[in-house]
N, C-alpha and C. Protein backbone atom coordinates (compact mmCIF):
# COMPACT_ATOMS: atom_id res chain seq x y z
N MET A 1 98.11 107.08 86.35
CA MET A 1 98.27 106.91 88.16
C MET A 1 98.48 107.81 88.94
N LEU A 2 97.30 107.46 90.09
CA LEU A 2 97.38 108.53 91.05
C LEU A 2 98.25 108.19 92.19
N GLU A 3 99.45 107.18 91.83
CA GLU A 3 100.24 107.16 93.35
C GLU A 3 100.52 108.71 93.53
N GLY A 4 100.96 108.35 95.15
CA GLY A 4 101.76 109.71 95.53
C GLY A 4 100.53 110.69 95.96
N SER A 5 99.36 110.68 95.18
CA SER A 5 98.30 111.62 95.47
C SER A 5 97.01 111.54 96.80
N THR A 6 96.31 112.34 97.13
CA THR A 6 95.59 112.13 97.76
C THR A 6 93.93 112.12 97.70
N LEU A 7 93.30 111.03 97.54
CA LEU A 7 92.19 111.28 97.31
C LEU A 7 90.84 111.69 98.17
N TYR A 8 90.17 112.46 98.13
CA TYR A 8 89.32 112.89 98.90
C TYR A 8 89.29 113.32 100.15
N ASN A 9 90.64 113.90 100.35
CA ASN A 9 91.42 114.17 101.27
C ASN A 9 91.14 113.33 102.48
N ALA A 10 91.03 111.88 102.12
CA ALA A 10 91.13 110.40 103.04
C ALA A 10 91.72 109.59 102.83
N TYR A 11 92.48 109.58 101.68
CA TYR A 11 93.31 108.23 101.42
C TYR A 11 94.59 108.65 100.56
N ARG A 12 95.51 108.49 101.20
CA ARG A 12 96.96 108.78 100.35
C ARG A 12 97.47 107.46 99.72
N ILE A 13 97.61 107.20 98.43
CA ILE A 13 97.53 105.96 97.52
C ILE A 13 99.03 106.26 97.19
N GLU A 14 99.66 105.26 97.85
CA GLU A 14 101.03 104.76 98.05
C GLU A 14 101.91 103.53 96.88
N GLN A 15 100.98 102.64 96.18
CA GLN A 15 101.38 101.89 95.43
C GLN A 15 100.06 101.06 94.10
N ALA A 16 100.65 101.03 93.32
CA ALA A 16 99.25 100.41 92.23
C ALA A 16 99.48 98.80 92.52
N ILE A 17 98.36 98.36 92.48
CA ILE A 17 98.43 96.88 92.52
C ILE A 17 98.14 95.98 91.00
N ALA A 18 96.88 96.91 90.66
CA ALA A 18 96.30 96.59 89.30
C ALA A 18 96.22 97.26 88.47
N ASP A 19 95.81 97.10 87.14
CA ASP A 19 95.21 98.09 86.48
C ASP A 19 94.59 97.65 85.24
N GLY A 20 93.53 97.87 85.06
CA GLY A 20 92.55 97.60 83.95
C GLY A 20 91.67 98.91 82.98
N GLY A 21 90.76 98.50 82.24
CA GLY A 21 90.40 99.47 81.16
C GLY A 21 89.92 100.40 81.74
N MET A 22 89.00 100.06 82.57
CA MET A 22 87.96 101.37 83.47
C MET A 22 88.66 101.93 84.30
N GLY A 23 89.27 101.30 85.73
CA GLY A 23 89.75 101.38 86.46
C GLY A 23 91.27 100.77 87.12
N ALA A 24 91.43 101.16 88.25
CA ALA A 24 92.77 100.40 88.98
C ALA A 24 92.28 100.34 89.98
N VAL A 25 93.56 99.39 91.20
CA VAL A 25 93.35 98.63 92.46
C VAL A 25 94.75 99.24 92.70
N TYR A 26 94.90 100.03 93.95
CA TYR A 26 95.97 100.83 94.69
C TYR A 26 95.70 100.50 95.68
N LEU A 27 97.06 100.27 96.69
CA LEU A 27 97.36 100.59 97.96
C LEU A 27 97.37 101.63 98.63
N ALA A 28 96.53 101.90 99.94
CA ALA A 28 96.13 103.57 100.36
C ALA A 28 96.66 103.58 101.31
N GLU A 29 96.85 104.61 102.07
CA GLU A 29 96.55 104.85 103.85
C GLU A 29 95.30 105.17 104.05
N GLN A 30 94.32 104.93 105.12
CA GLN A 30 93.20 105.81 105.23
C GLN A 30 93.67 107.11 106.49
N LEU A 31 94.04 108.01 105.94
CA LEU A 31 94.51 109.24 107.12
C LEU A 31 93.43 109.37 108.31
N SER A 32 92.71 109.49 108.51
CA SER A 32 91.59 109.39 109.54
C SER A 32 92.33 108.20 110.51
N LEU A 33 92.65 106.74 109.99
CA LEU A 33 92.42 106.07 110.71
C LEU A 33 94.01 105.17 111.15
N SER A 34 94.85 105.79 110.17
CA SER A 34 96.17 105.08 109.93
C SER A 34 96.62 103.73 109.50
N ARG A 35 95.46 103.38 108.71
CA ARG A 35 95.46 101.70 108.75
C ARG A 35 95.09 101.66 106.96
N LYS A 36 95.83 100.71 106.52
CA LYS A 36 96.42 100.20 104.95
C LYS A 36 94.44 100.06 104.96
N VAL A 37 94.43 100.05 103.68
CA VAL A 37 93.24 100.40 102.70
C VAL A 37 93.30 99.55 100.93
N VAL A 38 92.76 99.18 100.51
CA VAL A 38 92.58 98.50 99.02
C VAL A 38 91.42 100.03 98.40
N LEU A 39 92.07 100.44 97.55
CA LEU A 39 91.05 101.63 96.31
C LEU A 39 90.58 101.23 95.22
N LYS A 40 89.72 100.50 95.18
CA LYS A 40 89.35 100.44 93.67
C LYS A 40 88.53 101.85 92.58
N VAL A 41 89.12 102.12 92.19
CA VAL A 41 88.85 103.78 91.48
C VAL A 41 88.72 103.30 90.33
N LEU A 42 87.69 103.98 89.72
CA LEU A 42 87.76 104.42 88.11
C LEU A 42 88.24 105.50 87.54
N LYS A 43 88.85 105.25 86.43
CA LYS A 43 90.07 106.03 85.75
C LYS A 43 89.10 107.32 85.82
N PRO A 44 89.81 108.64 85.58
CA PRO A 44 89.44 109.71 85.66
C PRO A 44 88.52 110.10 84.92
N ASN A 45 88.53 109.56 83.32
CA ASN A 45 88.32 109.94 82.27
C ASN A 45 87.02 109.01 82.08
N PHE A 46 86.65 107.79 82.95
CA PHE A 46 85.97 107.36 82.78
C PHE A 46 84.45 107.76 82.75
N ASN A 47 83.41 108.17 82.16
CA ASN A 47 82.38 108.89 82.25
C ASN A 47 81.04 108.58 82.09
N ASP A 48 81.23 107.28 82.20
CA ASP A 48 79.55 106.35 81.88
C ASP A 48 78.73 106.59 83.35
N GLU A 49 78.04 107.22 83.29
CA GLU A 49 77.49 107.75 84.60
C GLU A 49 76.51 106.22 84.78
N ASP A 50 75.75 105.48 83.69
CA ASP A 50 75.44 104.43 84.38
C ASP A 50 76.69 103.46 84.53
N PHE A 51 77.03 103.17 84.66
CA PHE A 51 78.01 102.46 84.92
C PHE A 51 79.19 103.07 86.41
N ILE A 52 79.14 103.92 86.01
CA ILE A 52 79.49 104.73 87.59
C ILE A 52 78.47 104.40 89.05
N ALA A 53 76.92 104.70 88.48
CA ALA A 53 75.86 104.50 89.03
C ALA A 53 75.80 102.51 89.66
N LEU A 54 76.11 101.77 89.12
CA LEU A 54 76.15 100.51 89.23
C LEU A 54 77.50 100.11 90.04
N PHE A 55 78.42 100.89 90.07
CA PHE A 55 79.55 100.76 90.47
C PHE A 55 79.30 101.26 92.39
N LEU A 56 78.91 102.26 91.86
CA LEU A 56 78.50 102.56 93.58
C LEU A 56 77.33 101.83 94.70
N ARG A 57 76.01 101.57 93.73
CA ARG A 57 75.45 100.71 94.20
C ARG A 57 75.90 99.52 94.64
N GLU A 58 76.77 98.47 93.73
CA GLU A 58 77.48 97.20 94.24
C GLU A 58 78.62 97.80 95.45
N ALA A 59 79.25 98.93 95.37
CA ALA A 59 79.71 99.55 96.38
C ALA A 59 78.81 98.83 97.65
N ARG A 60 77.58 100.35 97.66
CA ARG A 60 76.89 100.18 98.83
C ARG A 60 76.20 98.63 98.96
N ILE A 61 75.92 97.47 97.95
CA ILE A 61 75.39 96.03 98.99
C ILE A 61 76.44 95.63 99.61
N ASN A 62 77.51 95.42 98.67
CA ASN A 62 79.30 94.91 99.74
C ASN A 62 79.17 95.85 101.00
N SER A 63 79.16 96.88 101.12
CA SER A 63 79.23 97.21 102.46
C SER A 63 78.22 96.88 103.75
N GLN A 64 77.19 96.33 103.08
CA GLN A 64 76.36 96.03 103.94
C GLN A 64 76.55 94.10 104.08
N ILE A 65 77.81 93.51 103.84
CA ILE A 65 77.81 92.25 104.06
C ILE A 65 78.99 91.95 105.22
N ASN A 66 78.63 91.29 106.23
CA ASN A 66 79.68 90.76 106.97
C ASN A 66 80.04 89.89 107.28
N HIS A 67 80.91 89.14 106.56
CA HIS A 67 81.31 87.73 106.99
C HIS A 67 82.55 87.62 106.76
N PRO A 68 83.07 86.35 107.26
CA PRO A 68 84.41 86.03 107.74
C PRO A 68 85.55 85.40 106.07
N ASN A 69 84.68 85.50 105.22
CA ASN A 69 85.03 85.34 103.83
C ASN A 69 84.74 85.83 102.94
N VAL A 70 83.93 87.11 103.08
CA VAL A 70 83.90 88.79 102.44
C VAL A 70 85.04 89.68 102.60
N VAL A 71 85.68 90.37 101.61
CA VAL A 71 86.63 91.62 102.22
C VAL A 71 85.42 92.82 102.62
N SER A 72 85.89 93.11 103.76
CA SER A 72 84.82 94.54 104.42
C SER A 72 85.03 95.61 103.27
N VAL A 73 83.91 96.28 103.34
CA VAL A 73 83.86 97.81 102.64
C VAL A 73 83.67 98.51 103.47
N PHE A 74 85.09 99.69 103.72
CA PHE A 74 85.33 100.68 104.36
C PHE A 74 84.25 102.03 103.74
N ASP A 75 84.16 102.17 102.66
CA ASP A 75 83.71 103.81 102.34
C ASP A 75 83.99 103.28 100.76
N PHE A 76 82.94 104.61 100.11
CA PHE A 76 82.70 104.57 99.09
C PHE A 76 82.10 105.94 97.96
N GLY A 77 82.48 106.01 97.17
CA GLY A 77 81.54 107.65 96.88
C GLY A 77 82.47 108.33 95.55
N ARG A 78 82.33 109.65 95.42
CA ARG A 78 83.40 110.13 94.28
C ARG A 78 83.82 111.27 94.58
N SER A 79 85.40 111.30 94.44
CA SER A 79 85.96 112.39 95.18
C SER A 79 85.63 113.85 94.59
N ASP A 80 86.30 114.83 95.34
CA ASP A 80 85.68 116.68 94.58
C ASP A 80 86.15 116.49 93.07
N GLU A 81 87.06 115.03 92.71
CA GLU A 81 87.75 115.32 90.93
C GLU A 81 86.73 114.78 90.27
N GLY A 82 85.53 114.09 90.93
CA GLY A 82 84.60 112.82 89.84
C GLY A 82 84.89 111.82 90.41
N ILE A 83 86.03 111.23 91.34
CA ILE A 83 86.40 109.95 90.68
C ILE A 83 85.64 108.79 91.28
N ALA A 84 84.78 107.98 90.69
CA ALA A 84 84.38 106.90 91.67
C ALA A 84 84.74 106.00 92.54
N TYR A 85 85.42 105.82 93.74
CA TYR A 85 86.27 104.65 94.59
C TYR A 85 85.47 103.79 95.54
N LEU A 86 86.17 102.77 95.89
CA LEU A 86 85.71 101.92 97.11
C LEU A 86 87.12 101.55 97.31
N ALA A 87 86.59 101.49 99.04
CA ALA A 87 88.27 101.47 99.82
C ALA A 87 87.49 100.62 100.78
N MET A 88 88.31 99.01 100.82
CA MET A 88 88.46 97.70 100.88
C MET A 88 89.09 97.42 102.07
N GLN A 89 88.80 96.46 102.56
CA GLN A 89 90.11 96.01 103.89
C GLN A 89 90.92 95.20 103.16
N CYS A 90 92.49 95.48 103.66
CA CYS A 90 93.58 95.17 102.97
C CYS A 90 93.54 93.76 103.99
N LEU A 91 93.99 92.95 102.88
CA LEU A 91 93.96 91.17 103.87
C LEU A 91 95.65 91.20 102.96
N GLU A 92 97.00 90.42 103.59
CA GLU A 92 98.27 90.04 103.84
C GLU A 92 97.76 88.67 103.13
N GLY A 93 98.65 88.20 102.65
CA GLY A 93 98.59 86.79 102.25
C GLY A 93 98.86 86.20 100.20
N GLN A 94 98.75 85.78 99.66
CA GLN A 94 99.44 85.19 98.54
C GLN A 94 97.76 86.14 97.34
N THR A 95 98.28 85.76 96.34
CA THR A 95 97.33 86.08 95.37
C THR A 95 96.74 84.49 94.84
N LEU A 96 95.73 84.66 94.39
CA LEU A 96 95.08 83.28 93.88
C LEU A 96 95.83 82.60 92.81
N THR A 97 96.58 83.54 91.89
CA THR A 97 97.15 82.89 90.93
C THR A 97 98.59 82.29 91.52
N ALA A 98 99.08 82.73 92.40
CA ALA A 98 100.44 82.09 92.96
C ALA A 98 99.77 80.88 94.18
N ILE A 99 98.71 80.71 94.48
CA ILE A 99 98.04 79.78 95.28
C ILE A 99 97.82 78.72 93.37
N VAL A 100 97.77 79.14 92.83
CA VAL A 100 96.83 77.87 91.79
C VAL A 100 98.44 77.17 91.19
N GLU A 101 99.18 78.35 90.81
CA GLU A 101 100.37 77.90 90.15
C GLU A 101 101.35 77.03 91.04
N ALA A 102 100.95 76.71 92.20
CA ALA A 102 101.89 76.34 92.98
C ALA A 102 102.17 74.62 92.99
N PRO A 103 103.09 74.21 93.39
CA PRO A 103 103.45 72.89 92.70
C PRO A 103 102.23 71.98 94.04
N ILE A 104 101.31 70.65 93.73
CA ILE A 104 100.84 70.24 94.73
C ILE A 104 102.23 69.23 95.46
N CYS A 105 103.33 68.92 95.34
CA CYS A 105 103.64 68.19 95.79
C CYS A 105 104.98 68.58 95.63
N ARG A 106 105.70 68.71 96.86
CA ARG A 106 107.09 69.42 96.80
C ARG A 106 107.82 68.04 96.79
N PRO A 107 108.97 68.34 96.10
CA PRO A 107 109.90 67.47 95.75
C PRO A 107 110.89 66.72 97.21
N LEU A 108 111.45 65.73 98.01
CA LEU A 108 111.87 65.60 98.96
C LEU A 108 113.25 65.74 98.92
N LEU A 109 114.18 66.16 99.88
CA LEU A 109 115.70 66.94 99.98
C LEU A 109 116.12 65.48 100.14
């Protein structure tokens, strides 16, 4: 876990949001702009160069999309430690799971 660390001298990682087999997602602060971002990072020991190249290619393509229904990509790359990362817009709201599991009809009081 990278919580409490600073990535690429640009992002202070505040808390984990999700964790998977190859990477993790964190809430972070972009220090230069004092704004909240979401960081998707590949785990430090993940060293499949073909997958890392695909991850960075996807980030590059996503960074060129500007649409209200698509999360904005602010930055991507590899840290000095070799960690591939993607910095995205942080959106407040409910998770998809919470929306799907919410009752359709609410009982009358």
